[in-house]
C-alpha atoms as a PDB file:
ATOM      1  CA  MET A   1       0.000   0.000   0.000  1.00  0.00           C
ATOM      2  CA  ASN A   2       1.466   3.346  -0.991  1.00  0.00           C
ATOM      3  CA  ARG A   3       1.413   6.549   1.028  1.00  0.00           C
ATOM      4  CA  THR A   4      -1.326   8.196  -1.026  1.00  0.00           C
ATOM      5  CA  THR A   5      -3.689   5.256  -0.542  1.00  0.00           C
ATOM      6  CA  LEU A   6      -2.878   5.072   3.154  1.00  0.00           C
ATOM      7  CA  PHE A   7      -3.435   8.818   3.562  1.00  0.00           C
ATOM      8  CA  ALA A   8      -6.751   8.614   1.686  1.00  0.00           C
ATOM      9  CA  ALA A   9      -7.868   5.664   3.843  1.00  0.00           C
ATOM     10  CA  LEU A  10      -7.003   7.518   7.064  1.00  0.00           C
ATOM     11  CA  ALA A  11      -8.782  10.658   5.845  1.00  0.00           C
ATOM     12  CA  CYS A  12     -11.905   8.622   5.014  1.00  0.00           C
ATOM     13  CA  ALA A  13     -11.809   6.870   8.396  1.00  0.00           C
ATOM     14  CA  LEU A  14     -11.467  10.208  10.177  1.00  0.00           C
ATOM     15  CA  LEU A  15     -14.390  11.602   8.185  1.00  0.00           C
ATOM     16  CA  VAL A  16     -16.574   8.582   9.015  1.00  0.00           C
ATOM     17  CA  PHE A  17     -15.816   8.801  12.756  1.00  0.00           C
ATOM     18  CA  SER A  18     -16.406  12.544  12.823  1.00  0.00           C
ATOM     19  CA  MET A  19     -19.829  12.071  11.219  1.00  0.00           C
ATOM     20  CA  LEU A  20     -21.059   9.444  13.695  1.00  0.00           C
ATOM     21  CA  GLY A  21     -22.574  12.119  15.926  1.00  0.00           C
ATOM     22  CA  CYS A  22     -24.182  14.030  13.059  1.00  0.00           C
ATOM     23  CA  GLY A  23     -27.948  14.313  13.156  1.00  0.00           C
ATOM     24  CA  THR A  24     -28.223  13.556  16.861  1.00  0.00           C
ATOM     25  CA  THR A  25     -27.124  16.883  18.316  1.00  0.00           C
ATOM     26  CA  ASP A  26     -30.582  18.404  18.119  1.00  0.00           C
ATOM     27  CA  LYS A  27     -32.818  15.475  19.029  1.00  0.00           C
ATOM     28  CA  LEU A  28     -35.774  16.291  21.285  1.00  0.00           C
ATOM     29  CA  GLN A  29     -35.134  14.524  24.601  1.00  0.00           C
ATOM     30  CA  SER A  30     -37.983  15.736  26.831  1.00  0.00           C
ATOM     31  CA  ILE A  31     -40.654  18.386  27.207  1.00  0.00           C
ATOM     32  CA  GLN A  32     -41.554  20.579  30.171  1.00  0.00           C
ATOM     33  CA  LEU A  33     -44.400  22.947  31.042  1.00  0.00           C
ATOM     34  CA  SER A  34     -43.502  26.441  32.164  1.00  0.00           C
ATOM     35  CA  SER A  35     -45.391  29.603  33.060  1.00  0.00           C
ATOM     36  CA  SER A  36     -42.809  31.652  31.125  1.00  0.00           C
ATOM     37  CA  SER A  37     -42.568  32.187  27.372  1.00  0.00           C
ATOM     38  CA  THR A  38     -39.065  33.659  27.598  1.00  0.00           C
ATOM     39  CA  ALA A  39     -37.181  31.016  29.583  1.00  0.00           C
ATOM     40  CA  GLU A  40     -37.929  27.497  30.705  1.00  0.00           C
ATOM     41  CA  SER A  41     -38.629  27.395  34.407  1.00  0.00           C
ATOM     42  CA  ALA A  42     -39.692  24.322  36.291  1.00  0.00           C
ATOM     43  CA  PRO A  43     -42.722  25.590  38.162  1.00  0.00           C
ATOM     44  CA  GLY A  44     -43.679  24.410  41.594  1.00  0.00           C
ATOM     45  CA  THR A  45     -47.369  24.539  42.403  1.00  0.00           C
ATOM     46  CA  LEU A  46     -48.946  27.364  40.435  1.00  0.00           C
ATOM     47  CA  ASP A  47     -51.847  29.395  41.835  1.00  0.00           C
ATOM     48  CA  LEU A  48     -54.817  30.390  39.687  1.00  0.00           C
ATOM     49  CA  SER A  49     -56.239  33.392  41.553  1.00  0.00           C
ATOM     50  CA  GLY A  50     -59.472  35.316  41.297  1.00  0.00           C
ATOM     51  CA  GLU A  51     -62.814  34.860  39.583  1.00  0.00           C
ATOM     52  CA  GLY A  52     -61.978  34.563  35.884  1.00  0.00           C
ATOM     53  CA  GLY A  53     -58.264  34.565  36.705  1.00  0.00           C
ATOM     54  CA  THR A  54     -55.978  33.222  33.988  1.00  0.00           C
ATOM     55  CA  LEU A  55     -52.631  31.527  33.837  1.00  0.00           C
ATOM     56  CA  GLN A  56     -50.813  30.820  30.550  1.00  0.00           C
ATOM     57  CA  LEU A  57     -48.684  27.678  30.240  1.00  0.00           C
ATOM     58  CA  TYR A  58     -45.999  27.099  27.605  1.00  0.00           C
ATOM     59  CA  THR A  59     -44.359  23.932  26.335  1.00  0.00           C
ATOM     60  CA  TRP A  60     -40.567  23.842  26.201  1.00  0.00           C
ATOM     61  CA  GLY A  61     -38.425  21.246  24.456  1.00  0.00           C
ATOM     62  CA  ASN A  62     -35.117  20.034  25.863  1.00  0.00           C
ATOM     63  CA  TYR A  63     -32.708  18.870  23.168  1.00  0.00           C
ATOM     64  CA  SER A  64     -29.741  16.521  23.194  1.00  0.00           C
ATOM     65  CA  ASN A  65     -27.390  19.421  22.401  1.00  0.00           C
ATOM     66  CA  GLY A  66     -28.367  21.089  25.713  1.00  0.00           C
ATOM     67  CA  LYS A  67     -30.621  23.746  24.206  1.00  0.00           C
ATOM     68  CA  ASN A  68     -34.089  24.544  25.507  1.00  0.00           C
ATOM     69  CA  GLN A  69     -36.612  25.903  23.033  1.00  0.00           C
ATOM     70  CA  LEU A  70     -40.200  27.121  23.228  1.00  0.00           C
ATOM     71  CA  LEU A  71     -42.301  24.703  21.170  1.00  0.00           C
ATOM     72  CA  SER A  72     -45.288  25.394  18.959  1.00  0.00           C
ATOM     73  CA  GLY A  73     -47.333  23.381  16.528  1.00  0.00           C
ATOM     74  CA  ASN A  74     -49.010  20.089  17.363  1.00  0.00           C
ATOM     75  CA  ILE A  75     -49.201  20.395  21.163  1.00  0.00           C
ATOM     76  CA  GLN A  76     -52.021  19.002  23.274  1.00  0.00           C
ATOM     77  CA  TYR A  77     -52.709  20.062  26.846  1.00  0.00           C
ATOM     78  CA  GLN A  78     -54.567  17.858  29.343  1.00  0.00           C
ATOM     79  CA  ILE A  79     -56.080  18.678  32.727  1.00  0.00           C
ATOM     80  CA  ALA A  80     -57.122  16.286  35.476  1.00  0.00           C
ATOM     81  CA  ILE A  81     -57.938  16.448  39.146  1.00  0.00           C
ATOM     82  CA  THR A  82     -55.108  15.315  41.392  1.00  0.00           C
ATOM     83  CA  ALA A  83     -56.069  12.225  43.395  1.00  0.00           C
ATOM     84  CA  ASP A  84     -57.944  12.890  46.658  1.00  0.00           C
ATOM     85  CA  SER A  85     -58.219  16.627  45.949  1.00  0.00           C
ATOM     86  CA  ARG A  86     -60.711  18.548  48.039  1.00  0.00           C
ATOM     87  CA  ASP A  87     -61.884  22.117  48.380  1.00  0.00           C
ATOM     88  CA  GLN A  88     -61.648  24.220  51.557  1.00  0.00           C
ATOM     89  CA  PHE A  89     -64.816  22.605  52.922  1.00  0.00           C
ATOM     90  CA  GLY A  90     -63.445  19.064  52.471  1.00  0.00           C
ATOM     91  CA  ASP A  91     -65.681  18.306  49.473  1.00  0.00           C
ATOM     92  CA  PRO A  92     -64.077  16.396  46.576  1.00  0.00           C
ATOM     93  CA  LEU A  93     -63.302  18.480  43.491  1.00  0.00           C
ATOM     94  CA  PRO A  94     -65.855  17.495  40.839  1.00  0.00           C
ATOM     95  CA  THR A  95     -64.818  15.214  37.985  1.00  0.00           C
ATOM     96  CA  PRO A  96     -64.323  16.149  35.205  1.00  0.00           C
ATOM     97  CA  PRO A  97     -62.628  19.423  36.207  1.00  0.00           C
ATOM     98  CA  GLN A  98     -65.289  22.134  36.442  1.00  0.00           C
ATOM     99  CA  ALA A  99     -63.726  25.110  38.239  1.00  0.00           C
ATOM    100  CA  VAL A 100     -60.915  25.446  35.682  1.00  0.00           C
ATOM    101  CA  THR A 101     -60.933  25.375  31.897  1.00  0.00           C
ATOM    102  CA  LEU A 102     -57.866  24.668  29.762  1.00  0.00           C
ATOM    103  CA  SER A 103     -57.778  26.004  26.207  1.00  0.00           C
ATOM    104  CA  ALA A 104     -56.067  24.331  23.264  1.00  0.00           C
ATOM    105  CA  ASN A 105     -53.169  26.803  23.584  1.00  0.00           C
ATOM    106  CA  GLY A 106     -52.530  26.206  27.319  1.00  0.00           C
ATOM    107  CA  LEU A 107     -54.556  29.021  28.893  1.00  0.00           C
ATOM    108  CA  LEU A 108     -56.051  28.095  32.284  1.00  0.00           C
ATOM    109  CA  THR A 109     -59.110  30.087  33.396  1.00  0.00           C
ATOM    110  CA  ALA A 110     -60.959  30.003  36.740  1.00  0.00           C
ATOM    111  CA  VAL A 111     -64.674  29.564  35.974  1.00  0.00           C
ATOM    112  CA  VAL A 112     -67.954  28.915  37.805  1.00  0.00           C
ATOM    113  CA  PRO A 113     -68.282  27.041  40.129  1.00  0.00           C
ATOM    114  CA  PHE A 114     -65.526  29.023  41.819  1.00  0.00           C
ATOM    115  CA  THR A 115     -63.492  27.152  44.410  1.00  0.00           C
ATOM    116  CA  CYS A 116     -60.705  27.417  46.940  1.00  0.00           C
ATOM    117  CA  THR A 117     -58.237  24.525  47.096  1.00  0.00           C
ATOM    118  CA  TRP A 118     -56.373  25.980  50.075  1.00  0.00           C
ATOM    119  CA  VAL A 119     -57.184  25.325  53.732  1.00  0.00           C
ATOM    120  CA  ASN A 120     -56.322  27.444  56.726  1.00  0.00           C
ATOM    121  CA  SER A 121     -54.954  25.260  59.509  1.00  0.00           C
ATOM    122  CA  ALA A 122     -54.216  28.095  61.948  1.00  0.00           C
ATOM    123  CA  VAL A 123     -55.881  27.840  65.351  1.00  0.00           C
ATOM    124  CA  PRO A 124     -56.642  30.662  67.779  1.00  0.00           C
ATOM    125  CA  PRO A 125     -55.055  32.653  69.283  1.00  0.00           C
ATOM    126  CA  ALA A 126     -53.343  32.990  65.865  1.00  0.00           C
ATOM    127  CA  THR A 127     -54.729  35.898  63.881  1.00  0.00           C
ATOM    128  CA  THR A 128     -53.129  35.047  60.543  1.00  0.00           C
ATOM    129  CA  PRO A 129     -53.798  32.019  58.331  1.00  0.00           C
ATOM    130  CA  ALA A 130     -51.489  29.030  57.966  1.00  0.00           C
ATOM    131  CA  TRP A 131     -52.084  27.783  54.425  1.00  0.00           C
ATOM    132  CA  GLY A 132     -52.025  24.203  53.237  1.00  0.00           C
ATOM    133  CA  LEU A 133     -53.048  22.812  49.887  1.00  0.00           C
ATOM    134  CA  SER A 134     -56.159  20.621  50.029  1.00  0.00           C
ATOM    135  CA  GLY A 135     -56.459  19.989  46.315  1.00  0.00           C
ATOM    136  CA  SER A 136     -55.067  20.787  42.910  1.00  0.00           C
ATOM    137  CA  TYR A 137     -55.397  20.205  39.216  1.00  0.00           C
ATOM    138  CA  SER A 138     -52.728  18.358  37.255  1.00  0.00           C
ATOM    139  CA  VAL A 139     -51.775  19.702  33.817  1.00  0.00           C
ATOM    140  CA  THR A 140     -49.591  17.911  31.280  1.00  0.00           C
ATOM    141  CA  THR A 141     -48.705  18.520  27.662  1.00  0.00           C
ATOM    142  CA  THR A 142     -48.033  16.041  24.872  1.00  0.00           C
ATOM    143  CA  THR A 143     -46.149  16.510  21.615  1.00  0.00           C
ATOM    144  CA  GLN A 144     -44.049  14.335  19.316  1.00  0.00           C
ATOM    145  CA  GLY A 145     -44.942  11.243  21.338  1.00  0.00           C
ATOM    146  CA  MET A 146     -43.691  12.720  24.614  1.00  0.00           C
ATOM    147  CA  THR A 147     -45.654  13.772  27.698  1.00  0.00           C
ATOM    148  CA  SER A 148     -44.370  16.336  30.173  1.00  0.00           C
ATOM    149  CA  PRO A 149     -44.184  15.822  33.908  1.00  0.00           C
ATOM    150  CA  PRO A 150     -47.320  17.259  35.528  1.00  0.00           C
ATOM    151  CA  VAL A 151     -47.626  20.815  36.765  1.00  0.00           C
ATOM    152  CA  PHE A 152     -49.933  21.241  39.743  1.00  0.00           C
ATOM    153  CA  VAL A 153     -52.346  24.163  39.885  1.00  0.00           C
ATOM    154  CA  ALA A 154     -54.043  25.382  43.059  1.00  0.00           C
ATOM    155  CA  VAL A 155     -57.210  27.448  42.660  1.00  0.00           C
ATOM    156  CA  ALA A 156     -58.125  30.536  44.676  1.00  0.00           C
ATOM    157  CA  SER A 157     -61.211  31.839  42.891  1.00  0.00           C
ATOM    158  CA  GLN A 158     -63.564  31.720  45.887  1.00  0.00           C
ATOM    159  CA  ALA A 159     -63.322  33.567  49.181  1.00  0.00           C
ATOM    160  CA  GLY A 160     -61.816  31.653  52.056  1.00  0.00           C
ATOM    161  CA  ILE A 161     -63.603  30.775  55.252  1.00  0.00           C
ATOM    162  CA  PHE A 162     -63.937  33.840  57.481  1.00  0.00           C
ATOM    163  CA  ASN A 163     -62.890  33.303  61.094  1.00  0.00           C
ATOM    164  CA  THR A 164     -60.552  34.756  63.738  1.00  0.00           C
ATOM    165  CA  THR A 165     -57.491  33.225  62.070  1.00  0.00           C
ATOM    166  CA  ASN A 166     -58.597  34.487  58.630  1.00  0.00           C
ATOM    167  CA  PRO A 167     -60.326  37.807  59.337  1.00  0.00           C
ATOM    168  CA  THR A 168     -60.099  38.958  55.704  1.00  0.00           C
ATOM    169  CA  ALA A 169     -61.511  35.686  54.248  1.00  0.00           C
ATOM    170  CA  GLU A 170     -58.468  35.084  52.069  1.00  0.00           C
ATOM    171  CA  CYS A 171     -58.134  31.919  49.985  1.00  0.00           C
ATOM    172  CA  GLY A 172     -54.510  30.875  50.084  1.00  0.00           C
ATOM    173  CA  PRO A 173     -51.268  32.752  50.386  1.00  0.00           C
ATOM    174  CA  PRO A 174     -50.934  36.105  48.636  1.00  0.00           C
ATOM    175  CA  PRO A 175     -49.745  35.849  45.017  1.00  0.00           C
ATOM    176  CA  ALA A 176     -45.977  36.005  44.558  1.00  0.00           C
ATOM    177  CA  ASN A 177     -44.813  39.035  42.592  1.00  0.00           C
END
């Protein structure tokens, strides 16, 4: 074998090995729901506040090259009631979900019958509430054969129970700004 043939064979082998990773650097690995359209953020429990209150969710794709990208196109959103969810009075949240609607583009809206999925566990002589979540809705998104982990949504569209530990009849903690 002469030098030219050997050099050509080595160049071809190098080219083949360098191309092995081609086409896989931008493969969609997972999807995630976020309440931000500008940056993916893994939300904790989200709070849908007020009568007619809205909360927009966005679907983000996580790619094998490390990039995160806001997705559009064929995306389906699903809403369900989290197991054993109750309102502030201890009543089960009605199935199918009735106090929250979810549009085809990921917009959650608090609708009639309004509800409060927070409970105040403070006891007198406390004069401020101690909030705990008694129920929530679970939202997922599906696209390209993948389903996101659920995002949990608390609802505060109804007044809370008025008493000495909740003198302003709040429903849940104040919204984070």
